[in-house]
Amino acid sequence: MFPTSRPVCLAATLVVACGCGSTVMAQPSPMGYPSRPVKIVMPLGPGNSLEIALRVVADKLAGALGQPFIIEAQPGAAGQIGTERVARSPADGYTLLAANDGIITMLPNLQKHVPYDPVRDFSPIAQLVGIPFALIVHPSVQAKTAGELIQLAKAQPGKLEFSSGGTGSAQQLAMELFMSLTGTRLLHVPYKGAPQAAMEVVSGQIPVALAGVPIVASLIKQGRLRALGVASDKRLPLLADTPTLVEQGIPFRFTTWGGLFAPAGTPVEIIRRLNQETLVALNSADVQARMAEFGLEIYGNSPEQFSEVVKADLVRMASVIKRAGIEPQ
């Protein structure tokens, strides 16, 4: 799907330091870590759902550990460029990866060759959040329910377009699975990130998408998008009036996750300290309230538990993709 040559990507740098407005006394860290700023590479375009959670957590880490945590957005090739960069970085705790399961467990199953091994090349730190998806359309689309959209798509197979954050992205996989389940066929139009894909639906250039709720919730509330259903187990407080797809008789659920990783071989003491402070951040009342504002579900687990999640999801996604009839490219 992607060219073998690597395009030049200028990373957008965002410095995140303690935003509490007061002096924070950092606790002693193992091996004197960190003694300088820490970079968190985010191989997704700015404005994505994971960035919302990451900013909050990075701010807490900076306050607890006494050094800035710098978020560097480095998108490209559906996340492969930034992810490979971290895989090849020194295993010293100063270059971390913030990635979603689209990059870690979906893309390796959709792409025959990726420049990283999600198990061999990374040490999981902590799973941060779950990101529920919503089925959205432009208000001009003549469908008020998911069932009506399915009827509309079946009446014009291959003509109704849907947007995604790129070929191999979670948005594309979500729609591929939805189409497989409902017997529909829509035309895929990839963009350079999930926010841009959603805005194309807002503008009316593209009629349909499956998108992360944190990106589209405010646009739904403003009436600039219509939500036909949420792909979660139960209704979301943020979109309480929007029924689940399951409620509408469509047994489709799709929630992605985002988490923190370090290069493989990073000292276990550093992994443990980062995990400890990340869980403290996720359990704090202000962080929980902030996540709820965007419809994010707080996860949080140990490095060992997160490692098992990655391994299990790799197997699960391979099975899901095979059942959906999607051929790796």
C-alpha atoms as a PDB file:
ATOM      1  CA  MET A   1       0.000   0.000   0.000  1.00  0.00           C
ATOM      2  CA  PHE A   2       2.851   2.367   0.739  1.00  0.00           C
ATOM      3  CA  PRO A   3       5.964   3.215  -1.250  1.00  0.00           C
ATOM      4  CA  THR A   4       9.222   1.694  -0.074  1.00  0.00           C
ATOM      5  CA  SER A   5      10.952   5.062  -0.044  1.00  0.00           C
ATOM      6  CA  ARG A   6      10.396   7.083   3.126  1.00  0.00           C
ATOM      7  CA  PRO A   7       9.051  10.627   2.560  1.00  0.00           C
ATOM      8  CA  VAL A   8      10.593  13.451   4.534  1.00  0.00           C
ATOM      9  CA  CYS A   9       8.411  14.379   7.505  1.00  0.00           C
ATOM     10  CA  LEU A  10       8.961  17.494   9.596  1.00  0.00           C
ATOM     11  CA  ALA A  11       7.756  16.661  13.105  1.00  0.00           C
ATOM     12  CA  ALA A  12       5.464  19.203  14.748  1.00  0.00           C
ATOM     13  CA  THR A  13       6.876  19.739  18.229  1.00  0.00           C
ATOM     14  CA  LEU A  14       4.662  20.512  21.239  1.00  0.00           C
ATOM     15  CA  VAL A  15       6.312  21.110  24.612  1.00  0.00           C
ATOM     16  CA  VAL A  16       4.265  19.908  27.568  1.00  0.00           C
ATOM     17  CA  ALA A  17       5.431  20.932  31.008  1.00  0.00           C
ATOM     18  CA  CYS A  18       3.652  21.132  34.340  1.00  0.00           C
ATOM     19  CA  GLY A  19       0.561  23.272  33.844  1.00  0.00           C
ATOM     20  CA  CYS A  20      -0.431  23.531  37.504  1.00  0.00           C
ATOM     21  CA  GLY A  21       0.954  27.043  37.915  1.00  0.00           C
ATOM     22  CA  SER A  22       3.062  26.144  40.969  1.00  0.00           C
ATOM     23  CA  THR A  23       6.379  24.542  41.727  1.00  0.00           C
ATOM     24  CA  VAL A  24       6.265  20.745  41.735  1.00  0.00           C
ATOM     25  CA  MET A  25       8.793  18.788  43.796  1.00  0.00           C
ATOM     26  CA  ALA A  26       9.671  15.715  41.759  1.00  0.00           C
ATOM     27  CA  GLN A  27      10.185  12.420  43.563  1.00  0.00           C
ATOM     28  CA  PRO A  28      13.535  10.623  43.244  1.00  0.00           C
ATOM     29  CA  SER A  29      13.678   8.540  40.081  1.00  0.00           C
ATOM     30  CA  PRO A  30      15.519   5.282  39.397  1.00  0.00           C
ATOM     31  CA  MET A  31      18.934   5.763  37.834  1.00  0.00           C
ATOM     32  CA  GLY A  32      18.435   9.529  38.100  1.00  0.00           C
ATOM     33  CA  TYR A  33      15.760   9.307  35.424  1.00  0.00           C
ATOM     34  CA  PRO A  34      14.778  11.607  33.881  1.00  0.00           C
ATOM     35  CA  SER A  35      17.654  14.046  33.923  1.00  0.00           C
ATOM     36  CA  ARG A  36      16.598  15.801  30.705  1.00  0.00           C
ATOM     37  CA  PRO A  37      13.410  16.277  28.640  1.00  0.00           C
ATOM     38  CA  VAL A  38      11.611  13.175  27.375  1.00  0.00           C
ATOM     39  CA  LYS A  39      10.203  12.972  23.837  1.00  0.00           C
ATOM     40  CA  ILE A  40       6.916  11.205  23.122  1.00  0.00           C
ATOM     41  CA  VAL A  41       6.608  10.493  19.413  1.00  0.00           C
ATOM     42  CA  MET A  42       2.996  10.420  18.229  1.00  0.00           C
ATOM     43  CA  PRO A  43       2.923   8.906  14.710  1.00  0.00           C
ATOM     44  CA  LEU A  44      -0.517  10.365  14.006  1.00  0.00           C
ATOM     45  CA  GLY A  45      -1.680  13.714  12.688  1.00  0.00           C
ATOM     46  CA  PRO A  46      -2.330  16.504  15.242  1.00  0.00           C
ATOM     47  CA  GLY A  47      -5.849  16.678  16.640  1.00  0.00           C
ATOM     48  CA  ASN A  48      -6.413  12.924  16.846  1.00  0.00           C
ATOM     49  CA  SER A  49      -8.241  11.228  19.735  1.00  0.00           C
ATOM     50  CA  LEU A  50      -5.076   9.861  21.343  1.00  0.00           C
ATOM     51  CA  GLU A  51      -3.493  13.319  21.467  1.00  0.00           C
ATOM     52  CA  ILE A  52      -6.342  14.550  23.677  1.00  0.00           C
ATOM     53  CA  ALA A  53      -5.490  11.959  26.317  1.00  0.00           C
ATOM     54  CA  LEU A  54      -1.754  12.194  25.785  1.00  0.00           C
ATOM     55  CA  ARG A  55      -1.567  15.919  26.482  1.00  0.00           C
ATOM     56  CA  VAL A  56      -3.250  15.476  29.851  1.00  0.00           C
ATOM     57  CA  VAL A  57      -1.073  12.524  30.864  1.00  0.00           C
ATOM     58  CA  ALA A  58       2.145  14.172  29.616  1.00  0.00           C
ATOM     59  CA  ASP A  59       1.384  17.230  31.738  1.00  0.00           C
ATOM     60  CA  LYS A  60       1.032  15.015  34.811  1.00  0.00           C
ATOM     61  CA  LEU A  61       4.241  13.126  34.032  1.00  0.00           C
ATOM     62  CA  ALA A  62       6.117  16.397  33.690  1.00  0.00           C
ATOM     63  CA  GLY A  63       4.892  17.538  37.090  1.00  0.00           C
ATOM     64  CA  ALA A  64       5.675  14.254  38.795  1.00  0.00           C
ATOM     65  CA  LEU A  65       9.101  13.658  37.262  1.00  0.00           C
ATOM     66  CA  GLY A  66      10.382  17.216  37.051  1.00  0.00           C
ATOM     67  CA  GLN A  67      11.218  17.278  33.337  1.00  0.00           C
ATOM     68  CA  PRO A  68       9.221  18.373  30.268  1.00  0.00           C
ATOM     69  CA  PHE A  69       7.568  15.619  28.249  1.00  0.00           C
ATOM     70  CA  ILE A  70       7.674  16.798  24.642  1.00  0.00           C
ATOM     71  CA  ILE A  71       5.052  15.505  22.235  1.00  0.00           C
ATOM     72  CA  GLU A  72       6.283  15.249  18.666  1.00  0.00           C
ATOM     73  CA  ALA A  73       3.597  14.594  16.064  1.00  0.00           C
ATOM     74  CA  GLN A  74       5.211  12.654  13.239  1.00  0.00           C
ATOM     75  CA  PRO A  75       2.539  11.209  10.935  1.00  0.00           C
ATOM     76  CA  GLY A  76       3.183   9.412   7.683  1.00  0.00           C
ATOM     77  CA  ALA A  77       2.495   6.047   6.025  1.00  0.00           C
ATOM     78  CA  ALA A  78      -0.401   5.331   8.408  1.00  0.00           C
ATOM     79  CA  GLY A  79       1.912   5.765  11.409  1.00  0.00           C
ATOM     80  CA  GLN A  80       4.817   3.652  10.198  1.00  0.00           C
ATOM     81  CA  ILE A  81       7.392   6.465   9.975  1.00  0.00           C
ATOM     82  CA  GLY A  82       7.157   7.701  13.567  1.00  0.00           C
ATOM     83  CA  THR A  83       6.749   4.190  14.943  1.00  0.00           C
ATOM     84  CA  GLU A  84       9.879   2.950  13.181  1.00  0.00           C
ATOM     85  CA  ARG A  85      11.778   5.962  14.501  1.00  0.00           C
ATOM     86  CA  VAL A  86      11.025   4.966  18.089  1.00  0.00           C
ATOM     87  CA  ALA A  87      11.808   1.308  17.408  1.00  0.00           C
ATOM     88  CA  ARG A  88      15.299   2.363  16.310  1.00  0.00           C
ATOM     89  CA  SER A  89      15.843   4.901  19.118  1.00  0.00           C
ATOM     90  CA  PRO A  90      18.165   4.299  22.092  1.00  0.00           C
ATOM     91  CA  ALA A  91      16.480   2.270  24.826  1.00  0.00           C
ATOM     92  CA  ASP A  92      17.159   4.859  27.510  1.00  0.00           C
ATOM     93  CA  GLY A  93      13.670   6.143  28.317  1.00  0.00           C
ATOM     94  CA  TYR A  94      14.112   9.485  26.545  1.00  0.00           C
ATOM     95  CA  THR A  95      12.197   8.600  23.370  1.00  0.00           C
ATOM     96  CA  LEU A  96       8.763   7.064  23.893  1.00  0.00           C
ATOM     97  CA  LEU A  97       5.930   6.125  21.568  1.00  0.00           C
ATOM     98  CA  ALA A  98       2.255   7.027  21.902  1.00  0.00           C
ATOM     99  CA  ALA A  99       0.329   4.796  19.521  1.00  0.00           C
ATOM    100  CA  ASN A 100      -3.116   3.346  19.000  1.00  0.00           C
ATOM    101  CA  ASP A 101      -4.030  -0.224  18.189  1.00  0.00           C
ATOM    102  CA  GLY A 102      -4.430   0.749  14.553  1.00  0.00           C
ATOM    103  CA  ILE A 103      -0.648   1.091  14.387  1.00  0.00           C
ATOM    104  CA  ILE A 104       0.292  -1.684  16.809  1.00  0.00           C
ATOM    105  CA  THR A 105      -2.151  -4.510  16.082  1.00  0.00           C
ATOM    106  CA  MET A 106      -4.198  -3.637  12.969  1.00  0.00           C
ATOM    107  CA  LEU A 107      -1.656  -2.362  10.466  1.00  0.00           C
ATOM    108  CA  PRO A 108       0.733  -5.330  10.894  1.00  0.00           C
ATOM    109  CA  ASN A 109      -2.213  -7.552   9.941  1.00  0.00           C
ATOM    110  CA  LEU A 110      -3.261  -5.390   6.996  1.00  0.00           C
ATOM    111  CA  GLN A 111       0.228  -4.818   5.602  1.00  0.00           C
ATOM    112  CA  LYS A 112       2.526  -7.654   4.558  1.00  0.00           C
ATOM    113  CA  HIS A 113       5.621  -5.651   5.442  1.00  0.00           C
ATOM    114  CA  VAL A 114       5.894  -3.022   8.172  1.00  0.00           C
ATOM    115  CA  PRO A 115       9.261  -1.629   9.336  1.00  0.00           C
ATOM    116  CA  TYR A 116       8.754  -2.672  12.964  1.00  0.00           C
ATOM    117  CA  ASP A 117       7.659  -5.686  14.983  1.00  0.00           C
ATOM    118  CA  PRO A 118       4.995  -4.635  17.522  1.00  0.00           C
ATOM    119  CA  VAL A 119       6.104  -7.270  20.046  1.00  0.00           C
ATOM    120  CA  ARG A 120       9.856  -7.544  19.484  1.00  0.00           C
ATOM    121  CA  ASP A 121      10.640  -3.825  19.087  1.00  0.00           C
ATOM    122  CA  PHE A 122       8.694  -2.248  21.977  1.00  0.00           C
ATOM    123  CA  SER A 123       8.298  -2.450  25.740  1.00  0.00           C
ATOM    124  CA  PRO A 124       4.696  -1.573  26.710  1.00  0.00           C
ATOM    125  CA  ILE A 125       4.355   1.008  29.489  1.00  0.00           C
ATOM    126  CA  ALA A 126       0.612   1.445  29.987  1.00  0.00           C
ATOM    127  CA  GLN A 127      -2.648   1.363  28.086  1.00  0.00           C
ATOM    128  CA  LEU A 128      -4.169   4.830  28.449  1.00  0.00           C
ATOM    129  CA  VAL A 129      -7.661   5.055  27.040  1.00  0.00           C
ATOM    130  CA  GLY A 130     -10.352   3.420  24.967  1.00  0.00           C
ATOM    131  CA  ILE A 131     -11.725   5.405  22.033  1.00  0.00           C
ATOM    132  CA  PRO A 132     -15.307   4.500  21.026  1.00  0.00           C
ATOM    133  CA  PHE A 133     -16.357   5.088  17.415  1.00  0.00           C
ATOM    134  CA  ALA A 134     -19.522   6.672  15.997  1.00  0.00           C
ATOM    135  CA  LEU A 135     -21.185   6.244  12.606  1.00  0.00           C
ATOM    136  CA  ILE A 136     -21.525   9.768  11.223  1.00  0.00           C
ATOM    137  CA  VAL A 137     -23.010  11.352   8.109  1.00  0.00           C
ATOM    138  CA  HIS A 138     -23.333  14.851   6.684  1.00  0.00           C
ATOM    139  CA  PRO A 139     -26.742  16.342   7.622  1.00  0.00           C
ATOM    140  CA  SER A 140     -27.758  16.338   3.956  1.00  0.00           C
ATOM    141  CA  VAL A 141     -27.634  12.524   3.784  1.00  0.00           C
ATOM    142  CA  GLN A 142     -31.125  11.047   3.584  1.00  0.00           C
ATOM    143  CA  ALA A 143     -30.660   8.676   6.496  1.00  0.00           C
ATOM    144  CA  LYS A 144     -31.706   9.243  10.101  1.00  0.00           C
ATOM    145  CA  THR A 145     -30.776   5.781  11.384  1.00  0.00           C
ATOM    146  CA  ALA A 146     -28.076   3.214  10.719  1.00  0.00           C
ATOM    147  CA  GLY A 147     -30.657   0.985   9.081  1.00  0.00           C
ATOM    148  CA  GLU A 148     -31.659   3.723   6.642  1.00  0.00           C
ATOM    149  CA  LEU A 149     -27.999   4.286   5.742  1.00  0.00           C
ATOM    150  CA  ILE A 150     -27.588   0.580   5.043  1.00  0.00           C
ATOM    151  CA  GLN A 151     -30.616   0.676   2.726  1.00  0.00           C
ATOM    152  CA  LEU A 152     -29.190   3.750   0.986  1.00  0.00           C
ATOM    153  CA  ALA A 153     -25.808   2.070   0.509  1.00  0.00           C
ATOM    154  CA  LYS A 154     -27.382  -1.115  -0.856  1.00  0.00           C
ATOM    155  CA  ALA A 155     -29.371   0.924  -3.383  1.00  0.00           C
ATOM    156  CA  GLN A 156     -26.130   2.316  -4.870  1.00  0.00           C
ATOM    157  CA  PRO A 157     -23.345  -0.221  -4.198  1.00  0.00           C
ATOM    158  CA  GLY A 158     -19.830   1.153  -4.520  1.00  0.00           C
ATOM    159  CA  LYS A 159     -20.981   4.737  -5.044  1.00  0.00           C
ATOM    160  CA  LEU A 160     -21.514   6.127  -1.547  1.00  0.00           C
ATOM    161  CA  GLU A 161     -18.125   7.330  -0.248  1.00  0.00           C
ATOM    162  CA  PHE A 162     -16.608   7.079   3.219  1.00  0.00           C
ATOM    163  CA  SER A 163     -13.527   8.849   4.551  1.00  0.00           C
ATOM    164  CA  SER A 164     -10.736   7.526   6.746  1.00  0.00           C
ATOM    165  CA  GLY A 165      -7.467   8.671   8.290  1.00  0.00           C
ATOM    166  CA  GLY A 166      -5.525   6.774   5.632  1.00  0.00           C
ATOM    167  CA  THR A 167      -5.159   3.395   4.009  1.00  0.00           C
ATOM    168  CA  GLY A 168      -4.739   0.839   6.775  1.00  0.00           C
ATOM    169  CA  SER A 169      -6.119   3.200   9.426  1.00  0.00           C
ATOM    170  CA  ALA A 170      -8.537   2.217  12.175  1.00  0.00           C
ATOM    171  CA  GLN A 171     -11.276   4.197  10.422  1.00  0.00           C
ATOM    172  CA  GLN A 172     -10.866   2.165   7.244  1.00  0.00           C
ATOM    173  CA  LEU A 173     -10.785  -1.139   9.103  1.00  0.00           C
ATOM    174  CA  ALA A 174     -13.871  -0.174  11.099  1.00  0.00           C
ATOM    175  CA  MET A 175     -15.826   0.539   7.916  1.00  0.00           C
ATOM    176  CA  GLU A 176     -14.524  -2.590   6.198  1.00  0.00           C
ATOM    177  CA  LEU A 177     -15.847  -4.644   9.106  1.00  0.00           C
ATOM    178  CA  PHE A 178     -19.134  -2.718   9.104  1.00  0.00           C
ATOM    179  CA  MET A 179     -19.578  -3.352   5.387  1.00  0.00           C
ATOM    180  CA  SER A 180     -18.765  -7.031   5.803  1.00  0.00           C
ATOM    181  CA  LEU A 181     -21.330  -7.341   8.585  1.00  0.00           C
ATOM    182  CA  THR A 182     -24.101  -5.431   6.792  1.00  0.00           C
ATOM    183  CA  GLY A 183     -23.546  -6.621   3.240  1.00  0.00           C
ATOM    184  CA  THR A 184     -22.877  -3.128   1.923  1.00  0.00           C
ATOM    185  CA  ARG A 185     -20.130  -1.699  -0.247  1.00  0.00           C
ATOM    186  CA  LEU A 186     -18.971   1.914   0.044  1.00  0.00           C
ATOM    187  CA  LEU A 187     -16.075   3.636  -1.729  1.00  0.00           C
ATOM    188  CA  HIS A 188     -13.008   4.343   0.418  1.00  0.00           C
ATOM    189  CA  VAL A 189     -11.471   7.836   0.274  1.00  0.00           C
ATOM    190  CA  PRO A 190      -8.311   8.036   2.463  1.00  0.00           C
ATOM    191  CA  TYR A 191      -6.955  11.260   3.992  1.00  0.00           C
ATOM    192  CA  LYS A 192      -3.847  12.194   5.979  1.00  0.00           C
ATOM    193  CA  GLY A 193      -5.400  11.772   9.397  1.00  0.00           C
ATOM    194  CA  ALA A 194      -8.638  11.146  11.272  1.00  0.00           C
ATOM    195  CA  PRO A 195      -9.397  14.847  11.957  1.00  0.00           C
ATOM    196  CA  GLN A 196      -9.146  15.718   8.254  1.00  0.00           C
ATOM    197  CA  ALA A 197     -11.291  12.719   7.367  1.00  0.00           C
ATOM    198  CA  ALA A 198     -13.997  13.896   9.767  1.00  0.00           C
ATOM    199  CA  MET A 199     -13.855  17.476   8.473  1.00  0.00           C
ATOM    200  CA  GLU A 200     -14.441  16.226   4.946  1.00  0.00           C
ATOM    201  CA  VAL A 201     -17.767  14.865   6.168  1.00  0.00           C
ATOM    202  CA  VAL A 202     -18.512  18.184   7.874  1.00  0.00           C
ATOM    203  CA  SER A 203     -17.884  20.022   4.590  1.00  0.00           C
ATOM    204  CA  GLY A 204     -20.113  17.617   2.677  1.00  0.00           C
ATOM    205  CA  GLN A 205     -17.317  16.454   0.394  1.00  0.00           C
ATOM    206  CA  ILE A 206     -17.710  12.946   1.833  1.00  0.00           C
ATOM    207  CA  PRO A 207     -21.085  11.718   3.119  1.00  0.00           C
ATOM    208  CA  VAL A 208     -20.157   8.967   5.601  1.00  0.00           C
ATOM    209  CA  ALA A 209     -17.474   7.904   8.099  1.00  0.00           C
ATOM    210  CA  LEU A 210     -16.834   5.885  11.200  1.00  0.00           C
ATOM    211  CA  ALA A 211     -14.834   8.170  13.495  1.00  0.00           C
ATOM    212  CA  GLY A 212     -13.544   8.377  17.044  1.00  0.00           C
ATOM    213  CA  VAL A 213     -16.084  10.070  19.310  1.00  0.00           C
ATOM    214  CA  PRO A 214     -13.572  12.562  20.816  1.00  0.00           C
ATOM    215  CA  ILE A 215     -12.980  14.064  17.356  1.00  0.00           C
ATOM    216  CA  VAL A 216     -16.617  14.398  16.319  1.00  0.00           C
ATOM    217  CA  ALA A 217     -18.689  14.798  19.519  1.00  0.00           C
ATOM    218  CA  SER A 218     -18.690  18.613  19.495  1.00  0.00           C
ATOM    219  CA  LEU A 219     -19.485  18.673  15.775  1.00  0.00           C
ATOM    220  CA  ILE A 220     -22.446  16.370  16.402  1.00  0.00           C
ATOM    221  CA  LYS A 221     -23.700  18.599  19.209  1.00  0.00           C
ATOM    222  CA  GLN A 222     -23.385  21.635  16.919  1.00  0.00           C
ATOM    223  CA  GLY A 223     -25.489  19.938  14.258  1.00  0.00           C
ATOM    224  CA  ARG A 224     -22.648  19.933  11.739  1.00  0.00           C
ATOM    225  CA  LEU A 225     -22.658  16.129  11.722  1.00  0.00           C
ATOM    226  CA  ARG A 226     -25.411  13.606  12.319  1.00  0.00           C
ATOM    227  CA  ALA A 227     -24.608  10.579  14.454  1.00  0.00           C
ATOM    228  CA  LEU A 228     -26.528   7.485  13.395  1.00  0.00           C
ATOM    229  CA  GLY A 229     -25.156   5.316  16.172  1.00  0.00           C
ATOM    230  CA  VAL A 230     -22.236   4.641  18.483  1.00  0.00           C
ATOM    231  CA  ALA A 231     -20.227   1.437  18.168  1.00  0.00           C
ATOM    232  CA  SER A 232     -19.891   0.910  21.921  1.00  0.00           C
ATOM    233  CA  ASP A 233     -21.450  -1.597  24.310  1.00  0.00           C
ATOM    234  CA  LYS A 234     -23.724   1.034  25.829  1.00  0.00           C
ATOM    235  CA  ARG A 235     -24.745   4.624  25.201  1.00  0.00           C
ATOM    236  CA  LEU A 236     -22.125   7.251  25.943  1.00  0.00           C
ATOM    237  CA  PRO A 237     -22.949  10.015  28.473  1.00  0.00           C
ATOM    238  CA  LEU A 238     -21.389  12.502  26.051  1.00  0.00           C
ATOM    239  CA  LEU A 239     -23.885  11.494  23.324  1.00  0.00           C
ATOM    240  CA  ALA A 240     -26.725  10.205  25.472  1.00  0.00           C
ATOM    241  CA  ASP A 241     -29.357  10.715  22.760  1.00  0.00           C
ATOM    242  CA  THR A 242     -27.454   8.622  20.206  1.00  0.00           C
ATOM    243  CA  PRO A 243     -28.371   4.919  20.315  1.00  0.00           C
ATOM    244  CA  THR A 244     -25.791   2.194  20.002  1.00  0.00           C
ATOM    245  CA  LEU A 245     -25.664   0.242  16.775  1.00  0.00           C
ATOM    246  CA  VAL A 246     -26.492  -2.859  18.799  1.00  0.00           C
ATOM    247  CA  GLU A 247     -29.723  -1.194  19.933  1.00  0.00           C
ATOM    248  CA  GLN A 248     -30.602  -0.799  16.263  1.00  0.00           C
ATOM    249  CA  GLY A 249     -30.140  -4.487  15.582  1.00  0.00           C
ATOM    250  CA  ILE A 250     -26.628  -4.201  14.149  1.00  0.00           C
ATOM    251  CA  PRO A 251     -24.187  -6.291  16.264  1.00  0.00           C
ATOM    252  CA  PHE A 252     -21.245  -4.009  15.542  1.00  0.00           C
ATOM    253  CA  ARG A 253     -18.872  -2.744  18.223  1.00  0.00           C
ATOM    254  CA  PHE A 254     -15.630  -0.885  17.556  1.00  0.00           C
ATOM    255  CA  THR A 255     -13.489   0.780  20.218  1.00  0.00           C
ATOM    256  CA  THR A 256      -9.790   1.402  19.698  1.00  0.00           C
ATOM    257  CA  TRP A 257      -7.190   2.018  22.384  1.00  0.00           C
ATOM    258  CA  GLY A 258      -4.140   4.197  22.836  1.00  0.00           C
ATOM    259  CA  GLY A 259      -1.085   3.565  24.952  1.00  0.00           C
ATOM    260  CA  LEU A 260       2.513   4.373  25.782  1.00  0.00           C
ATOM    261  CA  PHE A 261       5.526   2.320  24.701  1.00  0.00           C
ATOM    262  CA  ALA A 262       9.322   2.494  24.990  1.00  0.00           C
ATOM    263  CA  PRO A 263      11.933   0.907  22.713  1.00  0.00           C
ATOM    264  CA  ALA A 264      12.618  -2.726  23.577  1.00  0.00           C
ATOM    265  CA  GLY A 265      15.423  -3.083  26.093  1.00  0.00           C
ATOM    266  CA  THR A 266      14.547   0.028  28.084  1.00  0.00           C
ATOM    267  CA  PRO A 267      15.561  -0.605  31.739  1.00  0.00           C
ATOM    268  CA  VAL A 268      12.712  -2.162  33.681  1.00  0.00           C
ATOM    269  CA  GLU A 269      13.138   0.428  36.461  1.00  0.00           C
ATOM    270  CA  ILE A 270      12.304   3.189  33.995  1.00  0.00           C
ATOM    271  CA  ILE A 271       9.320   1.280  32.588  1.00  0.00           C
ATOM    272  CA  ARG A 272       8.024   0.728  36.127  1.00  0.00           C
ATOM    273  CA  ARG A 273       8.372   4.378  37.111  1.00  0.00           C
ATOM    274  CA  LEU A 274       6.639   5.618  33.974  1.00  0.00           C
ATOM    275  CA  ASN A 275       3.848   3.100  34.498  1.00  0.00           C
ATOM    276  CA  GLN A 276       3.459   4.100  38.134  1.00  0.00           C
ATOM    277  CA  GLU A 277       3.143   7.812  37.378  1.00  0.00           C
ATOM    278  CA  THR A 278       0.863   7.177  34.394  1.00  0.00           C
ATOM    279  CA  LEU A 279      -1.559   5.203  36.560  1.00  0.00           C
ATOM    280  CA  VAL A 280      -1.475   7.920  39.219  1.00  0.00           C
ATOM    281  CA  ALA A 281      -2.387  10.428  36.509  1.00  0.00           C
ATOM    282  CA  LEU A 282      -5.220   8.295  35.111  1.00  0.00           C
ATOM    283  CA  ASN A 283      -6.669   7.794  38.602  1.00  0.00           C
ATOM    284  CA  SER A 284      -6.717  11.498  39.436  1.00  0.00           C
ATOM    285  CA  ALA A 285     -10.135  13.163  39.538  1.00  0.00           C
ATOM    286  CA  ASP A 286      -9.221  16.016  37.193  1.00  0.00           C
ATOM    287  CA  VAL A 287      -7.882  13.657  34.528  1.00  0.00           C
ATOM    288  CA  GLN A 288     -10.948  11.434  34.771  1.00  0.00           C
ATOM    289  CA  ALA A 289     -13.224  14.433  34.396  1.00  0.00           C
ATOM    290  CA  ARG A 290     -11.240  15.681  31.409  1.00  0.00           C
ATOM    291  CA  MET A 291     -11.364  12.298  29.673  1.00  0.00           C
ATOM    292  CA  ALA A 292     -15.127  12.063  30.232  1.00  0.00           C
ATOM    293  CA  GLU A 293     -15.599  15.437  28.534  1.00  0.00           C
ATOM    294  CA  PHE A 294     -14.313  13.897  25.305  1.00  0.00           C
ATOM    295  CA  GLY A 295     -15.985  10.496  25.630  1.00  0.00           C
ATOM    296  CA  LEU A 296     -12.715   8.690  26.335  1.00  0.00           C
ATOM    297  CA  GLU A 297     -12.771   5.537  28.459  1.00  0.00           C
ATOM    298  CA  ILE A 298      -9.906   5.342  30.964  1.00  0.00           C
ATOM    299  CA  TYR A 299      -7.962   2.059  30.924  1.00  0.00           C
ATOM    300  CA  GLY A 300      -4.646   1.786  32.759  1.00  0.00           C
ATOM    301  CA  ASN A 301      -2.812  -1.469  33.478  1.00  0.00           C
ATOM    302  CA  SER A 302       0.615  -2.908  34.240  1.00  0.00           C
ATOM    303  CA  PRO A 303       3.323  -3.326  31.570  1.00  0.00           C
ATOM    304  CA  GLU A 304       2.804  -7.089  31.725  1.00  0.00           C
ATOM    305  CA  GLN A 305      -0.965  -6.773  31.289  1.00  0.00           C
ATOM    306  CA  PHE A 306      -0.542  -4.336  28.414  1.00  0.00           C
ATOM    307  CA  SER A 307       1.919  -6.709  26.745  1.00  0.00           C
ATOM    308  CA  GLU A 308      -0.690  -9.478  26.904  1.00  0.00           C
ATOM    309  CA  VAL A 309      -3.308  -7.133  25.420  1.00  0.00           C
ATOM    310  CA  VAL A 310      -1.027  -6.401  22.455  1.00  0.00           C
ATOM    311  CA  LYS A 311      -0.305 -10.085  21.815  1.00  0.00           C
ATOM    312  CA  ALA A 312      -3.969 -11.074  22.123  1.00  0.00           C
ATOM    313  CA  ASP A 313      -5.146  -8.227  19.888  1.00  0.00           C
ATOM    314  CA  LEU A 314      -2.648  -9.153  17.183  1.00  0.00           C
ATOM    315  CA  VAL A 315      -4.182 -12.625  17.055  1.00  0.00           C
ATOM    316  CA  ARG A 316      -7.740 -11.314  17.335  1.00  0.00           C
ATOM    317  CA  MET A 317      -7.324  -8.726  14.571  1.00  0.00           C
ATOM    318  CA  ALA A 318      -5.771 -11.328  12.268  1.00  0.00           C
ATOM    319  CA  SER A 319      -8.889 -13.437  12.725  1.00  0.00           C
ATOM    320  CA  VAL A 320     -11.281 -10.490  12.304  1.00  0.00           C
ATOM    321  CA  ILE A 321      -9.553  -9.316   9.117  1.00  0.00           C
ATOM    322  CA  LYS A 322      -9.564 -12.825   7.673  1.00  0.00           C
ATOM    323  CA  ARG A 323     -13.273 -13.284   8.436  1.00  0.00           C
ATOM    324  CA  ALA A 324     -14.011  -9.939   6.799  1.00  0.00           C
ATOM    325  CA  GLY A 325     -12.286 -11.108   3.632  1.00  0.00           C
ATOM    326  CA  ILE A 326      -9.692  -8.307   3.728  1.00  0.00           C
ATOM    327  CA  GLU A 327      -6.499  -9.291   1.917  1.00  0.00           C
ATOM    328  CA  PRO A 328      -3.191  -7.929   3.342  1.00  0.00           C
ATOM    329  CA  GLN A 329      -1.484  -5.649   0.819  1.00  0.00           C
END
